[in-house]
Amino acid sequence: QEQLVESGGGWVQPGGSLRLSCAASGISIGTYFMAWYRQAPGNQREWVATISTSGVSTNYADSVKGRFNISRDNAKNTVYLQMNSLKPENTAVYYCNRSPNTIRRLNWGQGTQVTVSS
């Protein structure tokens, strides 16, 4: 059974950094464009970043461009999100899945909570 497990979240002060991981099991994600999403309280889930199968091509939401970096290790079946210069508005539950223009998403994981506050 396919499963996505996100980890690496936590509490951090504004300006801090976190590195999120998304480990896939039951399915090989090496042939998929993958993405990170987030959902803040009271808001809909929104797209954050996408990475191509090889990792060469990436794309980011304007709000995180220059601060976040998506990467992947296909040998480990894992996708990462390095988040720098974090702001309080980045507080959300972060999820990974296939890219937004995919017809069939994978089963959503439980996400990992990121809280940015002083």
PDB file of N, CA and C in Angstrom:
ATOM      1  N   GLN A   1       0.855  -1.189   0.000  1.00  0.00           N
ATOM      2  CA  GLN A   1       0.000   0.000   0.000  1.00  0.00           C
ATOM      3  C   GLN A   1       0.891   1.239   0.000  1.00  0.00           C
ATOM      4  N   GLU A   2       0.591   2.152  -0.883  1.00  0.00           N
ATOM      5  CA  GLU A   2       1.392   3.359  -0.982  1.00  0.00           C
ATOM      6  C   GLU A   2       1.202   4.235   0.253  1.00  0.00           C
ATOM      7  N   GLN A   3       2.302   4.829   0.668  1.00  0.00           N
ATOM      8  CA  GLN A   3       2.248   5.666   1.863  1.00  0.00           C
ATOM      9  C   GLN A   3       3.286   6.772   1.743  1.00  0.00           C
ATOM     10  N   LEU A   4       2.909   7.968   2.165  1.00  0.00           N
ATOM     11  CA  LEU A   4       3.817   9.105   2.251  1.00  0.00           C
ATOM     12  C   LEU A   4       3.924   9.498   3.716  1.00  0.00           C
ATOM     13  N   VAL A   5       5.140   9.630   4.204  1.00  0.00           N
ATOM     14  CA  VAL A   5       5.349   9.996   5.605  1.00  0.00           C
ATOM     15  C   VAL A   5       6.219  11.237   5.656  1.00  0.00           C
ATOM     16  N   GLU A   6       5.624  12.331   6.105  1.00  0.00           N
ATOM     17  CA  GLU A   6       6.348  13.594   6.238  1.00  0.00           C
ATOM     18  C   GLU A   6       6.928  13.722   7.644  1.00  0.00           C
ATOM     19  N   SER A   7       8.082  14.346   7.752  1.00  0.00           N
ATOM     20  CA  SER A   7       8.717  14.550   9.053  1.00  0.00           C
ATOM     21  C   SER A   7       9.630  15.775   8.989  1.00  0.00           C
ATOM     22  N   GLY A   8      10.109  16.182  10.156  1.00  0.00           N
ATOM     23  CA  GLY A   8      11.069  17.276  10.209  1.00  0.00           C
ATOM     24  C   GLY A   8      10.498  18.597  10.664  1.00  0.00           C
ATOM     25  N   GLY A   9       9.191  18.650  10.850  1.00  0.00           N
ATOM     26  CA  GLY A   9       8.578  19.889  11.307  1.00  0.00           C
ATOM     27  C   GLY A   9       8.892  20.173  12.765  1.00  0.00           C
ATOM     28  N   GLY A  10       8.413  21.315  13.229  1.00  0.00           N
ATOM     29  CA  GLY A  10       8.634  21.690  14.626  1.00  0.00           C
ATOM     30  C   GLY A  10       8.410  23.175  14.805  1.00  0.00           C
ATOM     31  N   TRP A  11       8.848  23.654  15.952  1.00  0.00           N
ATOM     32  CA  TRP A  11       8.729  25.080  16.257  1.00  0.00           C
ATOM     33  C   TRP A  11      10.066  25.756  15.981  1.00  0.00           C
ATOM     34  N   VAL A  12       9.999  26.919  15.364  1.00  0.00           N
ATOM     35  CA  VAL A  12      11.220  27.665  15.072  1.00  0.00           C
ATOM     36  C   VAL A  12      10.901  29.159  15.161  1.00  0.00           C
ATOM     37  N   GLN A  13      11.865  29.921  15.547  1.00  0.00           N
ATOM     38  CA  GLN A  13      11.692  31.371  15.606  1.00  0.00           C
ATOM     39  C   GLN A  13      11.769  31.982  14.205  1.00  0.00           C
ATOM     40  N   PRO A  14      11.166  33.139  14.013  1.00  0.00           N
ATOM     41  CA  PRO A  14      11.286  33.809  12.702  1.00  0.00           C
ATOM     42  C   PRO A  14      12.744  33.975  12.315  1.00  0.00           C
ATOM     43  N   GLY A  15      13.018  33.717  11.048  1.00  0.00           N
ATOM     44  CA  GLY A  15      14.379  33.761  10.560  1.00  0.00           C
ATOM     45  C   GLY A  15      15.099  32.432  10.624  1.00  0.00           C
ATOM     46  N   GLY A  16      14.503  31.470  11.287  1.00  0.00           N
ATOM     47  CA  GLY A  16      15.124  30.167  11.429  1.00  0.00           C
ATOM     48  C   GLY A  16      14.927  29.277  10.208  1.00  0.00           C
ATOM     49  N   SER A  17      15.428  28.045  10.335  1.00  0.00           N
ATOM     50  CA  SER A  17      15.387  27.087   9.229  1.00  0.00           C
ATOM     51  C   SER A  17      14.888  25.728   9.700  1.00  0.00           C
ATOM     52  N   LEU A  18      14.296  25.018   8.798  1.00  0.00           N
ATOM     53  CA  LEU A  18      13.892  23.631   9.028  1.00  0.00           C
ATOM     54  C   LEU A  18      14.078  22.861   7.719  1.00  0.00           C
ATOM     55  N   ARG A  19      14.321  21.564   7.850  1.00  0.00           N
ATOM     56  CA  ARG A  19      14.389  20.693   6.678  1.00  0.00           C
ATOM     57  C   ARG A  19      13.353  19.600   6.830  1.00  0.00           C
ATOM     58  N   LEU A  20      12.408  19.583   5.930  1.00  0.00           N
ATOM     59  CA  LEU A  20      11.359  18.575   5.936  1.00  0.00           C
ATOM     60  C   LEU A  20      11.743  17.411   5.029  1.00  0.00           C
ATOM     61  N   SER A  21      11.269  16.239   5.397  1.00  0.00           N
ATOM     62  CA  SER A  21      11.478  15.036   4.591  1.00  0.00           C
ATOM     63  C   SER A  21      10.137  14.393   4.289  1.00  0.00           C
ATOM     64  N   CYS A  22      10.061  13.749   3.158  1.00  0.00           N
ATOM     65  CA  CYS A  22       8.869  12.993   2.771  1.00  0.00           C
ATOM     66  C   CYS A  22       9.341  11.659   2.222  1.00  0.00           C
ATOM     67  N   ALA A  23       9.116  10.617   2.992  1.00  0.00           N
ATOM     68  CA  ALA A  23       9.540   9.276   2.594  1.00  0.00           C
ATOM     69  C   ALA A  23       8.355   8.501   2.048  1.00  0.00           C
ATOM     70  N   ALA A  24       8.529   7.928   0.871  1.00  0.00           N
ATOM     71  CA  ALA A  24       7.472   7.145   0.245  1.00  0.00           C
ATOM     72  C   ALA A  24       7.748   5.657   0.437  1.00  0.00           C
ATOM     73  N   SER A  25       6.685   4.914   0.639  1.00  0.00           N
ATOM     74  CA  SER A  25       6.792   3.465   0.718  1.00  0.00           C
ATOM     75  C   SER A  25       5.632   2.847  -0.044  1.00  0.00           C
ATOM     76  N   GLY A  26       5.841   1.620  -0.517  1.00  0.00           N
ATOM     77  CA  GLY A  26       4.793   0.942  -1.260  1.00  0.00           C
ATOM     78  C   GLY A  26       4.656   1.429  -2.690  1.00  0.00           C
ATOM     79  N   ILE A  27       5.483   2.377  -3.078  1.00  0.00           N
ATOM     80  CA  ILE A  27       5.455   2.928  -4.422  1.00  0.00           C
ATOM     81  C   ILE A  27       6.787   3.620  -4.682  1.00  0.00           C
ATOM     82  N   SER A  28       7.263   3.539  -5.918  1.00  0.00           N
ATOM     83  CA  SER A  28       8.479   4.245  -6.294  1.00  0.00           C
ATOM     84  C   SER A  28       8.096   5.590  -6.902  1.00  0.00           C
ATOM     85  N   ILE A  29       8.586   6.666  -6.274  1.00  0.00           N
ATOM     86  CA  ILE A  29       8.208   8.001  -6.743  1.00  0.00           C
ATOM     87  C   ILE A  29       9.218   8.570  -7.732  1.00  0.00           C
ATOM     88  N   GLY A  30      10.202   7.761  -8.100  1.00  0.00           N
ATOM     89  CA  GLY A  30      11.257   8.249  -8.977  1.00  0.00           C
ATOM     90  C   GLY A  30      10.784   8.704 -10.346  1.00  0.00           C
ATOM     91  N   THR A  31       9.637   8.218 -10.791  1.00  0.00           N
ATOM     92  CA  THR A  31       9.132   8.596 -12.111  1.00  0.00           C
ATOM     93  C   THR A  31       8.074   9.689 -12.036  1.00  0.00           C
ATOM     94  N   TYR A  32       7.870  10.231 -10.858  1.00  0.00           N
ATOM     95  CA  TYR A  32       6.841  11.264 -10.676  1.00  0.00           C
ATOM     96  C   TYR A  32       7.461  12.639 -10.411  1.00  0.00           C
ATOM     97  N   PHE A  33       6.866  13.671 -10.994  1.00  0.00           N
ATOM     98  CA  PHE A  33       7.112  15.010 -10.488  1.00  0.00           C
ATOM     99  C   PHE A  33       6.474  15.051  -9.093  1.00  0.00           C
ATOM    100  N   MET A  34       7.208  15.545  -8.127  1.00  0.00           N
ATOM    101  CA  MET A  34       6.695  15.599  -6.756  1.00  0.00           C
ATOM    102  C   MET A  34       6.598  17.047  -6.300  1.00  0.00           C
ATOM    103  N   ALA A  35       5.784  17.258  -5.281  1.00  0.00           N
ATOM    104  CA  ALA A  35       5.556  18.622  -4.808  1.00  0.00           C
ATOM    105  C   ALA A  35       5.339  18.643  -3.304  1.00  0.00           C
ATOM    106  N   TRP A  36       5.549  19.804  -2.742  1.00  0.00           N
ATOM    107  CA  TRP A  36       5.177  20.082  -1.357  1.00  0.00           C
ATOM    108  C   TRP A  36       3.971  21.019  -1.367  1.00  0.00           C
ATOM    109  N   TYR A  37       3.100  20.799  -0.396  1.00  0.00           N
ATOM    110  CA  TYR A  37       1.920  21.612  -0.191  1.00  0.00           C
ATOM    111  C   TYR A  37       1.866  21.995   1.287  1.00  0.00           C
ATOM    112  N   ARG A  38       1.012  22.958   1.614  1.00  0.00           N
ATOM    113  CA  ARG A  38       0.817  23.291   3.016  1.00  0.00           C
ATOM    114  C   ARG A  38      -0.614  23.758   3.243  1.00  0.00           C
ATOM    115  N   GLN A  39      -1.041  23.597   4.478  1.00  0.00           N
ATOM    116  CA  GLN A  39      -2.380  24.023   4.850  1.00  0.00           C
ATOM    117  C   GLN A  39      -2.318  24.707   6.204  1.00  0.00           C
ATOM    118  N   ALA A  40      -2.625  25.987   6.204  1.00  0.00           N
ATOM    119  CA  ALA A  40      -2.680  26.754   7.440  1.00  0.00           C
ATOM    120  C   ALA A  40      -4.094  26.667   8.009  1.00  0.00           C
ATOM    121  N   PRO A  41      -4.245  26.876   9.308  1.00  0.00           N
ATOM    122  CA  PRO A  41      -5.579  26.809   9.924  1.00  0.00           C
ATOM    123  C   PRO A  41      -6.571  27.731   9.225  1.00  0.00           C
ATOM    124  N   GLY A  42      -7.730  27.178   8.873  1.00  0.00           N
ATOM    125  CA  GLY A  42      -8.766  27.964   8.234  1.00  0.00           C
ATOM    126  C   GLY A  42      -8.571  28.203   6.757  1.00  0.00           C
ATOM    127  N   ASN A  43      -7.470  27.697   6.204  1.00  0.00           N
ATOM    128  CA  ASN A  43      -7.180  27.901   4.784  1.00  0.00           C
ATOM    129  C   ASN A  43      -7.217  26.585   4.022  1.00  0.00           C
ATOM    130  N   GLN A  44      -7.351  26.702   2.718  1.00  0.00           N
ATOM    131  CA  GLN A  44      -7.263  25.512   1.893  1.00  0.00           C
ATOM    132  C   GLN A  44      -5.797  25.113   1.705  1.00  0.00           C
ATOM    133  N   ARG A  45      -5.591  23.874   1.367  1.00  0.00           N
ATOM    134  CA  ARG A  45      -4.247  23.399   1.072  1.00  0.00           C
ATOM    135  C   ARG A  45      -3.731  24.130  -0.157  1.00  0.00           C
ATOM    136  N   GLU A  46      -2.482  24.582  -0.099  1.00  0.00           N
ATOM    137  CA  GLU A  46      -1.908  25.302  -1.223  1.00  0.00           C
ATOM    138  C   GLU A  46      -0.576  24.697  -1.632  1.00  0.00           C
ATOM    139  N   TRP A  47      -0.269  24.878  -2.879  1.00  0.00           N
ATOM    140  CA  TRP A  47       0.969  24.362  -3.439  1.00  0.00           C
ATOM    141  C   TRP A  47       2.147  25.249  -3.021  1.00  0.00           C
ATOM    142  N   VAL A  48       3.290  24.606  -2.752  1.00  0.00           N
ATOM    143  CA  VAL A  48       4.492  25.327  -2.324  1.00  0.00           C
ATOM    144  C   VAL A  48       5.620  25.221  -3.360  1.00  0.00           C
ATOM    145  N   ALA A  49       5.900  23.988  -3.795  1.00  0.00           N
ATOM    146  CA  ALA A  49       7.029  23.787  -4.706  1.00  0.00           C
ATOM    147  C   ALA A  49       6.887  22.457  -5.423  1.00  0.00           C
ATOM    148  N   THR A  50       7.485  22.378  -6.605  1.00  0.00           N
ATOM    149  CA  THR A  50       7.483  21.157  -7.416  1.00  0.00           C
ATOM    150  C   THR A  50       8.900  20.842  -7.867  1.00  0.00           C
ATOM    151  N   ILE A  51       9.197  19.549  -7.997  1.00  0.00           N
ATOM    152  CA  ILE A  51      10.495  19.116  -8.500  1.00  0.00           C
ATOM    153  C   ILE A  51      10.290  18.048  -9.568  1.00  0.00           C
ATOM    154  N   SER A  52      11.099  18.113 -10.621  1.00  0.00           N
ATOM    155  CA  SER A  52      11.008  17.144 -11.701  1.00  0.00           C
ATOM    156  C   SER A  52      11.564  15.790 -11.264  1.00  0.00           C
ATOM    157  N   THR A  53      11.402  14.794 -12.105  1.00  0.00           N
ATOM    158  CA  THR A  53      11.828  13.446 -11.757  1.00  0.00           C
ATOM    159  C   THR A  53      13.334  13.377 -11.483  1.00  0.00           C
ATOM    160  N   SER A  54      14.109  14.093 -12.257  1.00  0.00           N
ATOM    161  CA  SER A  54      15.564  14.062 -12.091  1.00  0.00           C
ATOM    162  C   SER A  54      16.053  15.023 -11.012  1.00  0.00           C
ATOM    163  N   GLY A  55      15.193  15.966 -10.665  1.00  0.00           N
ATOM    164  CA  GLY A  55      15.589  16.986  -9.694  1.00  0.00           C
ATOM    165  C   GLY A  55      16.216  18.217 -10.323  1.00  0.00           C
ATOM    166  N   VAL A  56      16.401  18.192 -11.618  1.00  0.00           N
ATOM    167  CA  VAL A  56      17.043  19.312 -12.293  1.00  0.00           C
ATOM    168  C   VAL A  56      16.134  20.534 -12.344  1.00  0.00           C
ATOM    169  N   SER A  57      14.843  20.297 -12.537  1.00  0.00           N
ATOM    170  CA  SER A  57      13.897  21.398 -12.673  1.00  0.00           C
ATOM    171  C   SER A  57      13.053  21.554 -11.421  1.00  0.00           C
ATOM    172  N   THR A  58      12.949  22.786 -10.928  1.00  0.00           N
ATOM    173  CA  THR A  58      12.130  23.073  -9.756  1.00  0.00           C
ATOM    174  C   THR A  58      11.290  24.317 -10.015  1.00  0.00           C
ATOM    175  N   ASN A  59      10.224  24.442  -9.249  1.00  0.00           N
ATOM    176  CA  ASN A  59       9.343  25.588  -9.376  1.00  0.00           C
ATOM    177  C   ASN A  59       8.775  25.894  -8.003  1.00  0.00           C
ATOM    178  N   TYR A  60       8.620  27.191  -7.705  1.00  0.00           N
ATOM    179  CA  TYR A  60       8.206  27.596  -6.370  1.00  0.00           C
ATOM    180  C   TYR A  60       7.078  28.615  -6.408  1.00  0.00           C
ATOM    181  N   ALA A  61       6.249  28.594  -5.376  1.00  0.00           N
ATOM    182  CA  ALA A  61       5.285  29.666  -5.183  1.00  0.00           C
ATOM    183  C   ALA A  61       6.063  30.958  -4.926  1.00  0.00           C
ATOM    184  N   ASP A  62       5.511  32.069  -5.391  1.00  0.00           N
ATOM    185  CA  ASP A  62       6.209  33.350  -5.236  1.00  0.00           C
ATOM    186  C   ASP A  62       6.533  33.660  -3.778  1.00  0.00           C
ATOM    187  N   SER A  63       5.664  33.238  -2.887  1.00  0.00           N
ATOM    188  CA  SER A  63       5.826  33.572  -1.475  1.00  0.00           C
ATOM    189  C   SER A  63       7.033  32.895  -0.824  1.00  0.00           C
ATOM    190  N   VAL A  64       7.553  31.827  -1.431  1.00  0.00           N
ATOM    191  CA  VAL A  64       8.682  31.104  -0.830  1.00  0.00           C
ATOM    192  C   VAL A  64       9.926  31.135  -1.712  1.00  0.00           C
ATOM    193  N   LYS A  65       9.811  31.705  -2.886  1.00  0.00           N
ATOM    194  CA  LYS A  65      10.930  31.722  -3.834  1.00  0.00           C
ATOM    195  C   LYS A  65      12.133  32.418  -3.210  1.00  0.00           C
ATOM    196  N   GLY A  66      13.290  31.796  -3.326  1.00  0.00           N
ATOM    197  CA  GLY A  66      14.514  32.357  -2.772  1.00  0.00           C
ATOM    198  C   GLY A  66      14.775  31.962  -1.330  1.00  0.00           C
ATOM    199  N   ARG A  67      13.766  31.398  -0.664  1.00  0.00           N
ATOM    200  CA  ARG A  67      13.929  30.983   0.745  1.00  0.00           C
ATOM    201  C   ARG A  67      13.816  29.483   0.920  1.00  0.00           C
ATOM    202  N   PHE A  68      13.014  28.828   0.096  1.00  0.00           N
ATOM    203  CA  PHE A  68      12.799  27.387   0.189  1.00  0.00           C
ATOM    204  C   PHE A  68      13.516  26.696  -0.964  1.00  0.00           C
ATOM    205  N   ASN A  69      13.935  25.462  -0.705  1.00  0.00           N
ATOM    206  CA  ASN A  69      14.593  24.664  -1.750  1.00  0.00           C
ATOM    207  C   ASN A  69      14.071  23.233  -1.697  1.00  0.00           C
ATOM    208  N   ILE A  70      13.501  22.774  -2.797  1.00  0.00           N
ATOM    209  CA  ILE A  70      13.014  21.396  -2.874  1.00  0.00           C
ATOM    210  C   ILE A  70      14.082  20.538  -3.538  1.00  0.00           C
ATOM    211  N   SER A  71      14.252  19.341  -3.028  1.00  0.00           N
ATOM    212  CA  SER A  71      15.222  18.410  -3.601  1.00  0.00           C
ATOM    213  C   SER A  71      14.697  16.987  -3.427  1.00  0.00           C
ATOM    214  N   ARG A  72      15.400  16.034  -4.015  1.00  0.00           N
ATOM    215  CA  ARG A  72      14.951  14.646  -3.907  1.00  0.00           C
ATOM    216  C   ARG A  72      16.139  13.708  -3.981  1.00  0.00           C
ATOM    217  N   ASP A  73      15.941  12.524  -3.414  1.00  0.00           N
ATOM    218  CA  ASP A  73      16.902  11.431  -3.505  1.00  0.00           C
ATOM    219  C   ASP A  73      16.108  10.207  -3.939  1.00  0.00           C
ATOM    220  N   ASN A  74      16.146   9.919  -5.223  1.00  0.00           N
ATOM    221  CA  ASN A  74      15.327   8.816  -5.735  1.00  0.00           C
ATOM    222  C   ASN A  74      15.796   7.463  -5.202  1.00  0.00           C
ATOM    223  N   ALA A  75      17.057   7.345  -4.889  1.00  0.00           N
ATOM    224  CA  ALA A  75      17.555   6.091  -4.325  1.00  0.00           C
ATOM    225  C   ALA A  75      16.936   5.830  -2.958  1.00  0.00           C
ATOM    226  N   LYS A  76      16.618   6.906  -2.247  1.00  0.00           N
ATOM    227  CA  LYS A  76      15.990   6.774  -0.928  1.00  0.00           C
ATOM    228  C   LYS A  76      14.473   6.940  -1.004  1.00  0.00           C
ATOM    229  N   ASN A  77      13.975   7.187  -2.214  1.00  0.00           N
ATOM    230  CA  ASN A  77      12.525   7.359  -2.394  1.00  0.00           C
ATOM    231  C   ASN A  77      11.988   8.481  -1.511  1.00  0.00           C
ATOM    232  N   THR A  78      12.739   9.570  -1.443  1.00  0.00           N
ATOM    233  CA  THR A  78      12.457  10.652  -0.501  1.00  0.00           C
ATOM    234  C   THR A  78      12.578  12.012  -1.186  1.00  0.00           C
ATOM    235  N   VAL A  79      11.696  12.905  -0.764  1.00  0.00           N
ATOM    236  CA  VAL A  79      11.718  14.290  -1.221  1.00  0.00           C
ATOM    237  C   VAL A  79      11.940  15.188  -0.005  1.00  0.00           C
ATOM    238  N   TYR A  80      12.661  16.285  -0.206  1.00  0.00           N
ATOM    239  CA  TYR A  80      13.001  17.182   0.888  1.00  0.00           C
ATOM    240  C   TYR A  80      12.523  18.604   0.602  1.00  0.00           C
ATOM    241  N   LEU A  81      12.368  19.363   1.677  1.00  0.00           N
ATOM    242  CA  LEU A  81      12.094  20.787   1.545  1.00  0.00           C
ATOM    243  C   LEU A  81      12.936  21.520   2.584  1.00  0.00           C
ATOM    244  N   GLN A  82      13.944  22.236   2.113  1.00  0.00           N
ATOM    245  CA  GLN A  82      14.757  23.066   2.989  1.00  0.00           C
ATOM    246  C   GLN A  82      14.105  24.434   3.072  1.00  0.00           C
ATOM    247  N   MET A  83      13.769  24.854   4.275  1.00  0.00           N
ATOM    248  CA  MET A  83      13.080  26.125   4.476  1.00  0.00           C
ATOM    249  C   MET A  83      13.975  27.047   5.290  1.00  0.00           C
ATOM    250  N   ASN A  84      14.328  28.165   4.704  1.00  0.00           N
ATOM    251  CA  ASN A  84      15.178  29.158   5.357  1.00  0.00           C
ATOM    252  C   ASN A  84      14.429  30.474   5.527  1.00  0.00           C
ATOM    253  N   SER A  85      14.944  31.316   6.389  1.00  0.00           N
ATOM    254  CA  SER A  85      14.339  32.638   6.631  1.00  0.00           C
ATOM    255  C   SER A  85      12.836  32.514   6.860  1.00  0.00           C
ATOM    256  N   LEU A  86      12.474  31.615   7.732  1.00  0.00           N
ATOM    257  CA  LEU A  86      11.059  31.339   7.967  1.00  0.00           C
ATOM    258  C   LEU A  86      10.336  32.527   8.577  1.00  0.00           C
ATOM    259  N   LYS A  87       9.075  32.669   8.197  1.00  0.00           N
ATOM    260  CA  LYS A  87       8.225  33.755   8.668  1.00  0.00           C
ATOM    261  C   LYS A  87       7.012  33.170   9.374  1.00  0.00           C
ATOM    262  N   PRO A  88       6.377  33.937  10.249  1.00  0.00           N
ATOM    263  CA  PRO A  88       5.177  33.430  10.933  1.00  0.00           C
ATOM    264  C   PRO A  88       4.096  32.949   9.957  1.00  0.00           C
ATOM    265  N   GLU A  89       3.997  33.589   8.810  1.00  0.00           N
ATOM    266  CA  GLU A  89       2.987  33.180   7.831  1.00  0.00           C
ATOM    267  C   GLU A  89       3.306  31.853   7.157  1.00  0.00           C
ATOM    268  N   ASN A  90       4.459  31.293   7.428  1.00  0.00           N
ATOM    269  CA  ASN A  90       4.790  29.961   6.929  1.00  0.00           C
ATOM    270  C   ASN A  90       4.264  28.857   7.842  1.00  0.00           C
ATOM    271  N   THR A  91       3.670  29.247   8.955  1.00  0.00           N
ATOM    272  CA  THR A  91       3.093  28.275   9.877  1.00  0.00           C
ATOM    273  C   THR A  91       1.968  27.511   9.194  1.00  0.00           C
ATOM    274  N   ALA A  92       2.076  26.184   9.182  1.00  0.00           N
ATOM    275  CA  ALA A  92       1.103  25.335   8.495  1.00  0.00           C
ATOM    276  C   ALA A  92       1.492  23.882   8.703  1.00  0.00           C
ATOM    277  N   VAL A  93       0.595  23.001   8.289  1.00  0.00           N
ATOM    278  CA  VAL A  93       0.936  21.592   8.162  1.00  0.00           C
ATOM    279  C   VAL A  93       1.422  21.384   6.734  1.00  0.00           C
ATOM    280  N   TYR A  94       2.592  20.776   6.580  1.00  0.00           N
ATOM    281  CA  TYR A  94       3.205  20.589   5.274  1.00  0.00           C
ATOM    282  C   TYR A  94       3.053  19.135   4.837  1.00  0.00           C
ATOM    283  N   TYR A  95       2.695  18.975   3.571  1.00  0.00           N
ATOM    284  CA  TYR A  95       2.470  17.666   2.975  1.00  0.00           C
ATOM    285  C   TYR A  95       3.260  17.545   1.669  1.00  0.00           C
ATOM    286  N   CYS A  96       3.538  16.318   1.286  1.00  0.00           N
ATOM    287  CA  CYS A  96       4.081  16.098  -0.058  1.00  0.00           C
ATOM    288  C   CYS A  96       3.111  15.210  -0.827  1.00  0.00           C
ATOM    289  N   ASN A  97       3.209  15.283  -2.143  1.00  0.00           N
ATOM    290  CA  ASN A  97       2.403  14.449  -3.025  1.00  0.00           C
ATOM    291  C   ASN A  97       2.888  14.676  -4.453  1.00  0.00           C
ATOM    292  N   ARG A  98       2.222  14.074  -5.384  1.00  0.00           N
ATOM    293  CA  ARG A  98       2.569  14.323  -6.783  1.00  0.00           C
ATOM    294  C   ARG A  98       2.241  15.762  -7.137  1.00  0.00           C
ATOM    295  N   SER A  99       2.775  16.229  -8.241  1.00  0.00           N
ATOM    296  CA  SER A  99       2.620  17.614  -8.633  1.00  0.00           C
ATOM    297  C   SER A  99       1.165  17.954  -8.929  1.00  0.00           C
ATOM    298  N   PRO A 100       0.821  19.257  -8.877  1.00  0.00           N
ATOM    299  CA  PRO A 100      -0.584  19.672  -8.973  1.00  0.00           C
ATOM    300  C   PRO A 100      -1.287  19.265 -10.268  1.00  0.00           C
ATOM    301  N   ASN A 101      -0.575  19.148 -11.362  1.00  0.00           N
ATOM    302  CA  ASN A 101      -1.242  18.853 -12.626  1.00  0.00           C
ATOM    303  C   ASN A 101      -1.379  17.356 -12.880  1.00  0.00           C
ATOM    304  N   THR A 102      -1.255  16.575 -11.844  1.00  0.00           N
ATOM    305  CA  THR A 102      -1.387  15.126 -11.954  1.00  0.00           C
ATOM    306  C   THR A 102      -2.849  14.728 -11.804  1.00  0.00           C
ATOM    307  N   ILE A 103      -3.268  13.771 -12.614  1.00  0.00           N
ATOM    308  CA  ILE A 103      -4.656  13.326 -12.539  1.00  0.00           C
ATOM    309  C   ILE A 103      -4.909  12.588 -11.240  1.00  0.00           C
ATOM    310  N   ARG A 104      -3.998  11.691 -10.887  1.00  0.00           N
ATOM    311  CA  ARG A 104      -4.198  10.893  -9.674  1.00  0.00           C
ATOM    312  C   ARG A 104      -3.117  11.193  -8.659  1.00  0.00           C
ATOM    313  N   ARG A 105      -3.536  11.752  -7.536  1.00  0.00           N
ATOM    314  CA  ARG A 105      -2.613  11.983  -6.437  1.00  0.00           C
ATOM    315  C   ARG A 105      -2.413  10.680  -5.656  1.00  0.00           C
ATOM    316  N   LEU A 106      -1.335  10.615  -4.950  1.00  0.00           N
ATOM    317  CA  LEU A 106      -1.111   9.507  -4.020  1.00  0.00           C
ATOM    318  C   LEU A 106      -1.941   9.751  -2.764  1.00  0.00           C
ATOM    319  N   ASN A 107      -2.054   8.751  -1.936  1.00  0.00           N
ATOM    320  CA  ASN A 107      -2.744   8.938  -0.652  1.00  0.00           C
ATOM    321  C   ASN A 107      -1.993   9.994   0.169  1.00  0.00           C
ATOM    322  N   TRP A 108      -2.717  10.948   0.710  1.00  0.00           N
ATOM    323  CA  TRP A 108      -2.079  11.986   1.504  1.00  0.00           C
ATOM    324  C   TRP A 108      -1.547  11.409   2.817  1.00  0.00           C
ATOM    325  N   GLY A 109      -0.385  11.874   3.217  1.00  0.00           N
ATOM    326  CA  GLY A 109       0.154  11.492   4.510  1.00  0.00           C
ATOM    327  C   GLY A 109      -0.452  12.337   5.615  1.00  0.00           C
ATOM    328  N   GLN A 110       0.117  12.207   6.807  1.00  0.00           N
ATOM    329  CA  GLN A 110      -0.421  12.945   7.949  1.00  0.00           C
ATOM    330  C   GLN A 110       0.117  14.370   8.004  1.00  0.00           C
ATOM    331  N   GLY A 111       1.141  14.629   7.226  1.00  0.00           N
ATOM    332  CA  GLY A 111       1.737  15.952   7.229  1.00  0.00           C
ATOM    333  C   GLY A 111       2.663  16.154   8.416  1.00  0.00           C
ATOM    334  N   THR A 112       3.383  17.263   8.385  1.00  0.00           N
ATOM    335  CA  THR A 112       4.258  17.626   9.494  1.00  0.00           C
ATOM    336  C   THR A 112       4.025  19.093   9.826  1.00  0.00           C
ATOM    337  N   GLN A 113       3.814  19.372  11.111  1.00  0.00           N
ATOM    338  CA  GLN A 113       3.459  20.725  11.557  1.00  0.00           C
ATOM    339  C   GLN A 113       4.708  21.601  11.628  1.00  0.00           C
ATOM    340  N   VAL A 114       4.616  22.764  11.030  1.00  0.00           N
ATOM    341  CA  VAL A 114       5.661  23.781  11.129  1.00  0.00           C
ATOM    342  C   VAL A 114       5.054  25.006  11.801  1.00  0.00           C
ATOM    343  N   THR A 115       5.657  25.421  12.901  1.00  0.00           N
ATOM    344  CA  THR A 115       5.186  26.591  13.620  1.00  0.00           C
ATOM    345  C   THR A 115       6.318  27.601  13.722  1.00  0.00           C
ATOM    346  N   VAL A 116       6.075  28.805  13.224  1.00  0.00           N
ATOM    347  CA  VAL A 116       7.075  29.866  13.252  1.00  0.00           C
ATOM    348  C   VAL A 116       6.542  31.000  14.125  1.00  0.00           C
ATOM    349  N   SER A 117       7.163  31.170  15.260  1.00  0.00           N
ATOM    350  CA  SER A 117       6.724  32.224  16.173  1.00  0.00           C
ATOM    351  C   SER A 117       7.849  32.572  17.125  1.00  0.00           C
ATOM    352  N   SER A 118       7.741  33.752  17.699  1.00  0.00           N
ATOM    353  CA  SER A 118       8.740  34.173  18.682  1.00  0.00           C
ATOM    354  C   SER A 118       8.208  33.976  20.093  1.00  0.00           C
TER     355      SER A 118
END
